[in-house]
Amino acid sequence: MREKIEWLLKSDIKGTTIEKNTGVSRAVISKLRKEQRDIGGLTLDTCEKLYNYVIALEQKK
């Protein structure tokens, strides 16, 4: 799960797009991208939202 979320955060997908599709705020996404917040400190709910978005993107390929 962590690897998929890291991939998403390192991708070129805009924070607003991730927010729109996951419900995770841009502020959280921005802090994760700037390494001001660690993935390990996220709630399970937030991790699931980000992970499920990556899975949905992979299925569209």
N, C-alpha and C. Protein backbone atom coordinates (compact mmCIF):
# COMPACT_ATOMS: atom_id res chain seq x y z
N MET A 1 0.83 -1.19 0.00
CA MET A 1 0.00 0.00 0.00
C MET A 1 0.88 1.25 0.00
N ARG A 2 1.91 1.24 0.84
CA ARG A 2 2.79 2.41 0.94
C ARG A 2 3.43 2.75 -0.40
N GLU A 3 3.88 1.72 -1.11
CA GLU A 3 4.55 1.95 -2.40
C GLU A 3 3.61 2.61 -3.40
N LYS A 4 2.37 2.19 -3.41
CA LYS A 4 1.38 2.76 -4.34
C LYS A 4 1.12 4.22 -4.00
N ILE A 5 1.00 4.52 -2.71
CA ILE A 5 0.75 5.90 -2.29
C ILE A 5 1.96 6.77 -2.61
N GLU A 6 3.16 6.24 -2.38
CA GLU A 6 4.38 6.99 -2.72
C GLU A 6 4.43 7.28 -4.22
N TRP A 7 4.05 6.29 -5.03
CA TRP A 7 4.03 6.50 -6.48
C TRP A 7 3.09 7.65 -6.83
N LEU A 8 1.91 7.65 -6.22
CA LEU A 8 0.92 8.69 -6.49
C LEU A 8 1.46 10.06 -6.12
N LEU A 9 2.10 10.16 -4.97
CA LEU A 9 2.61 11.44 -4.50
C LEU A 9 3.77 11.95 -5.37
N LYS A 10 4.53 11.03 -5.96
CA LYS A 10 5.65 11.42 -6.82
C LYS A 10 5.22 11.63 -8.28
N SER A 11 3.99 11.31 -8.57
CA SER A 11 3.50 11.43 -9.95
C SER A 11 3.25 12.90 -10.32
N ASP A 12 2.95 13.11 -11.59
CA ASP A 12 2.64 14.45 -12.09
C ASP A 12 1.17 14.81 -11.92
N ILE A 13 0.41 13.96 -11.28
CA ILE A 13 -1.02 14.23 -11.07
C ILE A 13 -1.16 15.39 -10.10
N LYS A 14 -1.94 16.38 -10.50
CA LYS A 14 -2.10 17.58 -9.68
C LYS A 14 -2.81 17.26 -8.37
N GLY A 15 -2.44 18.01 -7.34
CA GLY A 15 -3.06 17.85 -6.03
C GLY A 15 -4.56 18.04 -6.08
N THR A 16 -5.01 18.98 -6.91
CA THR A 16 -6.45 19.23 -7.01
C THR A 16 -7.17 18.02 -7.60
N THR A 17 -6.52 17.35 -8.53
CA THR A 17 -7.11 16.15 -9.14
C THR A 17 -7.20 15.02 -8.12
N ILE A 18 -6.13 14.85 -7.35
CA ILE A 18 -6.14 13.82 -6.31
C ILE A 18 -7.21 14.14 -5.29
N GLU A 19 -7.30 15.40 -4.89
CA GLU A 19 -8.32 15.81 -3.91
C GLU A 19 -9.73 15.51 -4.44
N LYS A 20 -9.97 15.88 -5.68
CA LYS A 20 -11.29 15.70 -6.28
C LYS A 20 -11.69 14.22 -6.32
N ASN A 21 -10.73 13.36 -6.60
CA ASN A 21 -11.03 11.94 -6.76
C ASN A 21 -10.94 11.11 -5.49
N THR A 22 -10.35 11.68 -4.44
CA THR A 22 -10.18 10.91 -3.20
C THR A 22 -10.87 11.52 -1.99
N GLY A 23 -11.07 12.83 -2.02
CA GLY A 23 -11.61 13.50 -0.85
C GLY A 23 -10.54 13.88 0.16
N VAL A 24 -9.28 13.57 -0.14
CA VAL A 24 -8.16 13.94 0.73
C VAL A 24 -7.78 15.38 0.40
N SER A 25 -7.67 16.21 1.40
CA SER A 25 -7.44 17.64 1.17
C SER A 25 -6.10 17.91 0.49
N ARG A 26 -6.07 19.01 -0.27
CA ARG A 26 -4.84 19.43 -0.93
C ARG A 26 -3.75 19.72 0.09
N ALA A 27 -4.14 20.22 1.26
CA ALA A 27 -3.16 20.53 2.30
C ALA A 27 -2.41 19.26 2.73
N VAL A 28 -3.15 18.19 2.93
CA VAL A 28 -2.53 16.91 3.32
C VAL A 28 -1.64 16.41 2.19
N ILE A 29 -2.14 16.45 0.97
CA ILE A 29 -1.37 15.99 -0.19
C ILE A 29 -0.09 16.80 -0.32
N SER A 30 -0.19 18.11 -0.17
CA SER A 30 0.97 18.99 -0.27
C SER A 30 2.00 18.67 0.81
N LYS A 31 1.56 18.48 2.04
CA LYS A 31 2.49 18.15 3.13
C LYS A 31 3.18 16.81 2.90
N LEU A 32 2.44 15.86 2.36
CA LEU A 32 3.04 14.56 2.05
C LEU A 32 4.08 14.71 0.94
N ARG A 33 3.77 15.48 -0.07
CA ARG A 33 4.70 15.67 -1.18
C ARG A 33 5.96 16.41 -0.75
N LYS A 34 5.82 17.33 0.18
CA LYS A 34 6.97 18.10 0.68
C LYS A 34 7.69 17.38 1.82
N GLU A 35 7.22 16.17 2.13
CA GLU A 35 7.77 15.35 3.21
C GLU A 35 7.70 16.04 4.56
N GLN A 36 6.67 16.88 4.73
CA GLN A 36 6.41 17.51 6.02
C GLN A 36 5.50 16.62 6.87
N ARG A 37 4.98 15.60 6.24
CA ARG A 37 4.11 14.64 6.92
C ARG A 37 4.44 13.26 6.35
N ASP A 38 4.42 12.25 7.21
CA ASP A 38 4.78 10.90 6.81
C ASP A 38 3.53 10.07 6.51
N ILE A 39 3.63 9.22 5.52
CA ILE A 39 2.51 8.34 5.17
C ILE A 39 2.10 7.50 6.38
N GLY A 40 3.06 7.09 7.18
CA GLY A 40 2.77 6.28 8.36
C GLY A 40 1.91 6.98 9.38
N GLY A 41 1.83 8.31 9.31
CA GLY A 41 1.02 9.07 10.25
C GLY A 41 -0.40 9.31 9.78
N LEU A 42 -0.73 8.81 8.59
CA LEU A 42 -2.08 8.99 8.05
C LEU A 42 -3.04 8.00 8.70
N THR A 43 -4.30 8.36 8.71
CA THR A 43 -5.31 7.41 9.18
C THR A 43 -5.47 6.31 8.13
N LEU A 44 -5.97 5.18 8.56
CA LEU A 44 -6.21 4.08 7.64
C LEU A 44 -7.21 4.51 6.56
N ASP A 45 -8.19 5.30 6.94
CA ASP A 45 -9.20 5.79 6.01
C ASP A 45 -8.55 6.60 4.88
N THR A 46 -7.63 7.50 5.23
CA THR A 46 -6.95 8.32 4.23
C THR A 46 -6.07 7.45 3.34
N CYS A 47 -5.35 6.51 3.93
CA CYS A 47 -4.51 5.60 3.13
C CYS A 47 -5.35 4.81 2.14
N GLU A 48 -6.50 4.33 2.59
CA GLU A 48 -7.38 3.55 1.71
C GLU A 48 -7.87 4.40 0.54
N LYS A 49 -8.21 5.65 0.80
CA LYS A 49 -8.68 6.54 -0.27
C LYS A 49 -7.60 6.74 -1.32
N LEU A 50 -6.38 7.00 -0.89
CA LEU A 50 -5.28 7.22 -1.83
C LEU A 50 -4.94 5.92 -2.57
N TYR A 51 -4.89 4.82 -1.85
CA TYR A 51 -4.59 3.52 -2.44
C TYR A 51 -5.64 3.13 -3.48
N ASN A 52 -6.89 3.27 -3.13
CA ASN A 52 -7.97 2.91 -4.06
C ASN A 52 -7.94 3.77 -5.32
N TYR A 53 -7.51 5.01 -5.19
CA TYR A 53 -7.39 5.88 -6.36
C TYR A 53 -6.29 5.37 -7.29
N VAL A 54 -5.17 4.96 -6.73
CA VAL A 54 -4.09 4.40 -7.54
C VAL A 54 -4.56 3.14 -8.26
N ILE A 55 -5.26 2.28 -7.56
CA ILE A 55 -5.78 1.05 -8.17
C ILE A 55 -6.72 1.38 -9.32
N ALA A 56 -7.58 2.37 -9.13
CA ALA A 56 -8.51 2.79 -10.19
C ALA A 56 -7.73 3.31 -11.40
N LEU A 57 -6.66 4.06 -11.16
CA LEU A 57 -5.84 4.56 -12.27
C LEU A 57 -5.18 3.41 -13.02
N GLU A 58 -4.70 2.42 -12.28
CA GLU A 58 -4.05 1.27 -12.91
C GLU A 58 -5.03 0.47 -13.76
N GLN A 59 -6.26 0.39 -13.32
CA GLN A 59 -7.26 -0.38 -14.07
C GLN A 59 -7.68 0.33 -15.35
N LYS A 60 -7.51 1.65 -15.40
CA LYS A 60 -7.86 2.41 -16.60
C LYS A 60 -6.83 2.23 -17.71
N LYS A 61 -5.62 1.79 -17.35
CA LYS A 61 -4.54 1.67 -18.34
C LYS A 61 -4.83 0.59 -19.33
